[in-house]
Amino acid sequence: MALPFKLPASSLAPRFTIARCTPADVPQLWDVYSAAFLGTRFCYFWPPSREAMRQWSDLRFRQRFQDPTDQQFKVVDVETGKVAGFARWVVPEAMEAVMQAGFRTYTEVESGLPEGIEMPEMADGAPAEAWRSFFGPVKAMSAKKGLDLSVLCVHSSYQGCGVSTALLKPMLDLADQQGVTAYLEALENATPVYEKLGFKKVDEIVYDESKTGHEGVLRIDIMLRELKASS
């Protein structure tokens, strides 16, 4: 299925291309997802078994693809065939009238967890709110008519290649054209990338790691990007 947006001129090297994700990509999506998170502090609540997490993620990814218009896009290294990164967007049902064809929309109360797929057992002591933050209900953005960036992952071997910008900018340009805001929850190490594209921190989620036998706190920044003013 064709992309639902025009690709803007970018600094992404010719060796890369952008396309919709497909069921055949699922093994590589897990590779990218795990590589992106395992190097951070934000997977402490994952189940002890990485295989359990892989199997659960495999089911989640595959169920999303039951609707081919689900807006999950990938950057592919055409020289190797590897998925360098991927992003998934949530388009609230309230935006159906303003978005062009080719998008799947969601009701405000629709769960972010696919129906019938049970979570694997969490790591000992991991707070339930950690799961809800990453895999909880779709945010109540319908009132704001805003796009919600559900996930953005770039494989560690492709950091600095412009993959994140290539996955974000086409949808943000479309948001500007349609006059809508964009919303995301950013890990601490990703906030600067989003700020460069016009997102601003408006709130944060804070986890006290002492509750799970660790030290310090984890912060997830709540960020909004308002409609870009026309020049």
Protein backbone atom coordinates (compact mmCIF):
# COMPACT_ATOMS: atom_id res chain seq x y z
CA MET A 1 0.00 0.00 0.00
CA ALA A 2 1.28 3.45 -0.92
CA LEU A 3 2.40 5.95 1.67
CA PRO A 4 -0.34 8.41 2.73
CA PHE A 5 1.98 11.42 2.53
CA LYS A 6 4.52 13.01 0.25
CA LEU A 7 8.12 12.55 1.21
CA PRO A 8 9.80 15.92 1.79
CA ALA A 9 13.32 16.72 0.72
CA SER A 10 15.56 15.54 3.53
CA SER A 11 19.11 14.76 4.45
CA LEU A 12 18.40 11.02 4.44
CA ALA A 13 21.04 9.34 2.34
CA PRO A 14 20.06 7.66 -0.96
CA ARG A 15 20.87 4.27 0.57
CA PHE A 16 17.65 4.53 2.59
CA THR A 17 14.00 4.36 1.60
CA ILE A 18 10.72 4.83 3.48
CA ALA A 19 7.76 2.46 3.21
CA ARG A 20 4.87 1.01 5.21
CA CYS A 21 5.72 -1.82 7.57
CA THR A 22 4.32 -5.23 6.66
CA PRO A 23 3.88 -8.54 8.52
CA ALA A 24 7.10 -9.78 6.90
CA ASP A 25 8.96 -7.05 8.84
CA VAL A 26 7.94 -8.32 12.29
CA PRO A 27 11.20 -10.16 13.14
CA GLN A 28 13.21 -7.09 12.18
CA LEU A 29 10.85 -4.77 14.07
CA TRP A 30 11.61 -6.74 17.22
CA ASP A 31 15.35 -6.50 16.51
CA VAL A 32 15.07 -2.71 16.17
CA TYR A 33 12.75 -2.38 19.17
CA SER A 34 14.94 -4.43 21.50
CA ALA A 35 18.16 -2.82 20.30
CA ALA A 36 16.68 0.64 20.89
CA PHE A 37 15.46 -0.08 24.43
CA LEU A 38 17.97 -2.56 25.85
CA GLY A 39 20.64 0.13 25.88
CA THR A 40 18.51 2.37 28.10
CA ARG A 41 17.12 2.30 31.64
CA PHE A 42 13.60 2.06 30.29
CA CYS A 43 13.31 -1.71 30.02
CA TYR A 44 13.81 -2.52 33.71
CA PHE A 45 10.19 -3.65 33.91
CA TRP A 46 10.48 -6.09 30.99
CA PRO A 47 9.91 -9.75 31.89
CA PRO A 48 13.05 -11.65 32.93
CA SER A 49 12.78 -13.75 29.77
CA ARG A 50 13.70 -11.80 26.64
CA GLU A 51 12.06 -14.57 24.63
CA ALA A 52 8.75 -13.93 26.43
CA MET A 53 9.02 -10.25 25.52
CA ARG A 54 9.87 -11.11 21.90
CA GLN A 55 6.90 -13.45 21.55
CA TRP A 56 4.52 -10.91 23.06
CA SER A 57 5.84 -8.13 20.84
CA ASP A 58 5.54 -10.42 17.82
CA LEU A 59 1.83 -10.96 18.57
CA ARG A 60 1.22 -7.24 19.09
CA PHE A 61 2.95 -6.27 15.87
CA ARG A 62 1.14 -8.91 13.83
CA GLN A 63 -2.28 -7.97 15.15
CA ARG A 64 -1.70 -4.33 14.19
CA PHE A 65 -1.12 -5.42 10.61
CA GLN A 66 -4.59 -6.96 10.35
CA ASP A 67 -5.55 -3.51 9.07
CA PRO A 68 -3.16 -2.59 6.21
CA THR A 69 -3.84 1.12 6.72
CA ASP A 70 -2.31 1.08 10.21
CA GLN A 71 0.16 3.95 10.12
CA GLN A 72 3.40 2.17 10.90
CA PHE A 73 6.29 3.24 8.69
CA LYS A 74 9.88 2.06 8.31
CA VAL A 75 13.20 3.32 7.01
CA VAL A 76 15.06 0.55 5.18
CA ASP A 77 18.73 0.32 4.30
CA VAL A 78 18.39 -0.69 0.64
CA GLU A 79 21.98 -1.93 0.54
CA THR A 80 21.38 -4.55 3.22
CA GLY A 81 17.59 -4.88 3.33
CA LYS A 82 17.64 -4.16 7.06
CA VAL A 83 15.02 -2.03 8.82
CA ALA A 84 16.93 0.88 10.33
CA GLY A 85 13.99 2.27 12.31
CA PHE A 86 10.22 2.46 12.45
CA ALA A 87 7.47 4.68 13.81
CA ARG A 88 3.80 4.15 14.56
CA TRP A 89 1.22 6.92 14.82
CA VAL A 90 -2.23 6.96 16.39
CA VAL A 91 -4.80 9.03 14.50
CA PRO A 92 -7.84 9.86 16.69
CA GLU A 93 -11.26 9.16 15.21
CA ALA A 94 -12.08 12.86 15.48
CA MET A 95 -9.46 13.51 12.77
CA GLU A 96 -11.07 11.23 10.22
CA ALA A 97 -12.74 14.11 8.42
CA VAL A 98 -9.52 16.12 8.04
CA MET A 99 -6.98 13.38 7.25
CA GLN A 100 -6.57 12.19 3.71
CA ALA A 101 -7.26 8.58 2.76
CA GLY A 102 -4.85 5.90 3.89
CA PHE A 103 -5.04 6.20 7.67
CA ARG A 104 -6.57 4.00 10.33
CA THR A 105 -8.33 6.01 13.04
CA TYR A 106 -9.00 5.10 16.68
CA THR A 107 -11.72 5.91 19.16
CA GLU A 108 -10.65 7.82 22.26
CA VAL A 109 -11.24 4.84 24.53
CA GLU A 110 -9.72 2.15 22.33
CA SER A 111 -7.06 0.19 24.19
CA GLY A 112 -3.46 0.42 23.10
CA LEU A 113 -3.14 -3.29 23.96
CA PRO A 114 -4.45 -5.63 21.26
CA GLU A 115 -7.48 -7.61 22.34
CA GLY A 116 -6.80 -11.18 23.44
CA ILE A 117 -3.06 -10.72 23.98
CA GLU A 118 -2.03 -11.09 27.60
CA MET A 119 1.00 -9.29 29.00
CA PRO A 120 3.95 -11.46 29.99
CA GLU A 121 4.84 -11.55 33.66
CA MET A 122 6.57 -8.34 34.69
CA ALA A 123 9.94 -8.20 36.37
CA ASP A 124 9.74 -8.51 40.15
CA GLY A 125 8.71 -5.23 41.72
CA ALA A 126 8.04 -3.40 38.46
CA PRO A 127 5.19 -0.93 38.96
CA ALA A 128 2.06 -1.52 36.93
CA GLU A 129 2.06 2.12 35.84
CA ALA A 130 5.26 1.46 33.88
CA TRP A 131 3.35 -0.92 31.66
CA ARG A 132 0.41 1.43 31.36
CA SER A 133 2.67 4.26 30.23
CA PHE A 134 4.14 2.25 27.39
CA PHE A 135 1.22 0.01 26.47
CA GLY A 136 -1.81 1.66 28.01
CA PRO A 137 -4.94 3.21 26.45
CA VAL A 138 -4.67 5.55 23.52
CA LYS A 139 -4.25 9.09 24.86
CA ALA A 140 -7.31 11.30 25.03
CA MET A 141 -6.13 13.50 22.20
CA SER A 142 -9.37 13.52 20.25
CA ALA A 143 -10.45 16.76 21.90
CA LYS A 144 -7.21 18.34 20.69
CA LYS A 145 -7.51 16.64 17.29
CA GLY A 146 -3.87 15.70 17.61
CA LEU A 147 -1.65 13.01 16.17
CA ASP A 148 -0.13 10.70 18.77
CA LEU A 149 3.32 9.23 18.18
CA SER A 150 2.87 5.76 19.65
CA VAL A 151 6.43 4.54 19.16
CA LEU A 152 9.64 5.56 17.41
CA CYS A 153 12.60 3.19 17.41
CA VAL A 154 15.92 3.42 15.61
CA HIS A 155 18.42 0.58 15.68
CA SER A 156 21.56 1.56 17.57
CA SER A 157 23.71 0.83 14.50
CA TYR A 158 21.82 3.54 12.55
CA GLN A 159 21.91 6.34 15.10
CA GLY A 160 22.94 9.66 13.55
CA CYS A 161 21.81 8.73 10.02
CA GLY A 162 18.73 10.96 10.02
CA VAL A 163 16.32 8.04 10.43
CA SER A 164 14.26 9.64 13.22
CA THR A 165 13.75 12.87 11.29
CA ALA A 166 12.81 10.96 8.14
CA LEU A 167 10.13 9.06 10.07
CA LEU A 168 8.78 12.14 11.85
CA LYS A 169 8.86 15.00 9.38
CA PRO A 170 6.38 13.71 6.73
CA MET A 171 3.66 13.22 9.35
CA LEU A 172 4.44 16.53 11.04
CA ASP A 173 4.26 18.32 7.68
CA LEU A 174 0.88 16.67 7.14
CA ALA A 175 -0.21 17.79 10.62
CA ASP A 176 0.71 21.37 9.70
CA GLN A 177 -1.27 21.13 6.47
CA GLN A 178 -4.31 19.83 8.33
CA GLY A 179 -3.96 22.26 11.25
CA VAL A 180 -3.53 19.70 14.01
CA THR A 181 -1.22 19.25 16.98
CA ALA A 182 1.06 16.29 17.66
CA TYR A 183 1.63 14.50 20.97
CA LEU A 184 4.26 12.09 22.28
CA GLU A 185 5.89 10.69 25.40
CA ALA A 186 9.68 10.99 25.12
CA LEU A 187 12.39 9.10 26.93
CA GLU A 188 15.04 11.35 28.42
CA ASN A 189 17.61 10.51 25.75
CA ALA A 190 15.21 11.33 22.90
CA THR A 191 13.88 14.73 24.01
CA PRO A 192 16.48 16.79 22.07
CA VAL A 193 15.47 15.11 18.78
CA TYR A 194 11.84 16.09 19.26
CA GLU A 195 12.67 19.63 20.36
CA LYS A 196 14.47 20.22 17.06
CA LEU A 197 11.21 19.41 15.29
CA GLY A 198 9.13 21.84 17.33
CA PHE A 199 7.92 19.74 20.26
CA LYS A 200 7.83 21.37 23.69
CA LYS A 201 7.70 19.68 27.07
CA VAL A 202 4.41 20.34 28.86
CA ASP A 203 4.52 17.73 31.63
CA GLU A 204 6.39 14.62 32.76
CA ILE A 205 5.85 11.16 34.18
CA VAL A 206 8.25 10.30 37.02
CA TYR A 207 9.02 6.82 38.37
CA ASP A 208 10.85 6.31 41.65
CA GLU A 209 13.24 3.45 40.89
CA SER A 210 13.76 2.75 44.59
CA LYS A 211 10.42 0.93 44.47
CA THR A 212 12.03 -1.68 42.25
CA GLY A 213 15.36 -1.95 44.05
CA HIS A 214 17.19 0.57 41.87
CA GLU A 215 18.49 4.07 42.50
CA GLY A 216 17.31 7.38 41.09
CA VAL A 217 14.22 8.27 39.10
CA LEU A 218 13.09 7.77 35.53
CA ARG A 219 11.44 10.61 33.67
CA ILE A 220 9.30 10.50 30.55
CA ASP A 221 8.59 13.90 29.03
CA ILE A 222 5.09 14.70 27.80
CA MET A 223 5.55 16.82 24.68
CA LEU A 224 3.24 18.71 22.34
CA ARG A 225 3.91 20.27 18.97
CA GLU A 226 1.44 22.98 18.05
CA LEU A 227 0.48 23.84 14.52
CA LYS A 228 3.43 25.42 12.75
CA ALA A 229 2.63 28.98 11.75
CA SER A 230 2.57 29.67 8.04
CA SER A 231 5.45 31.82 6.82
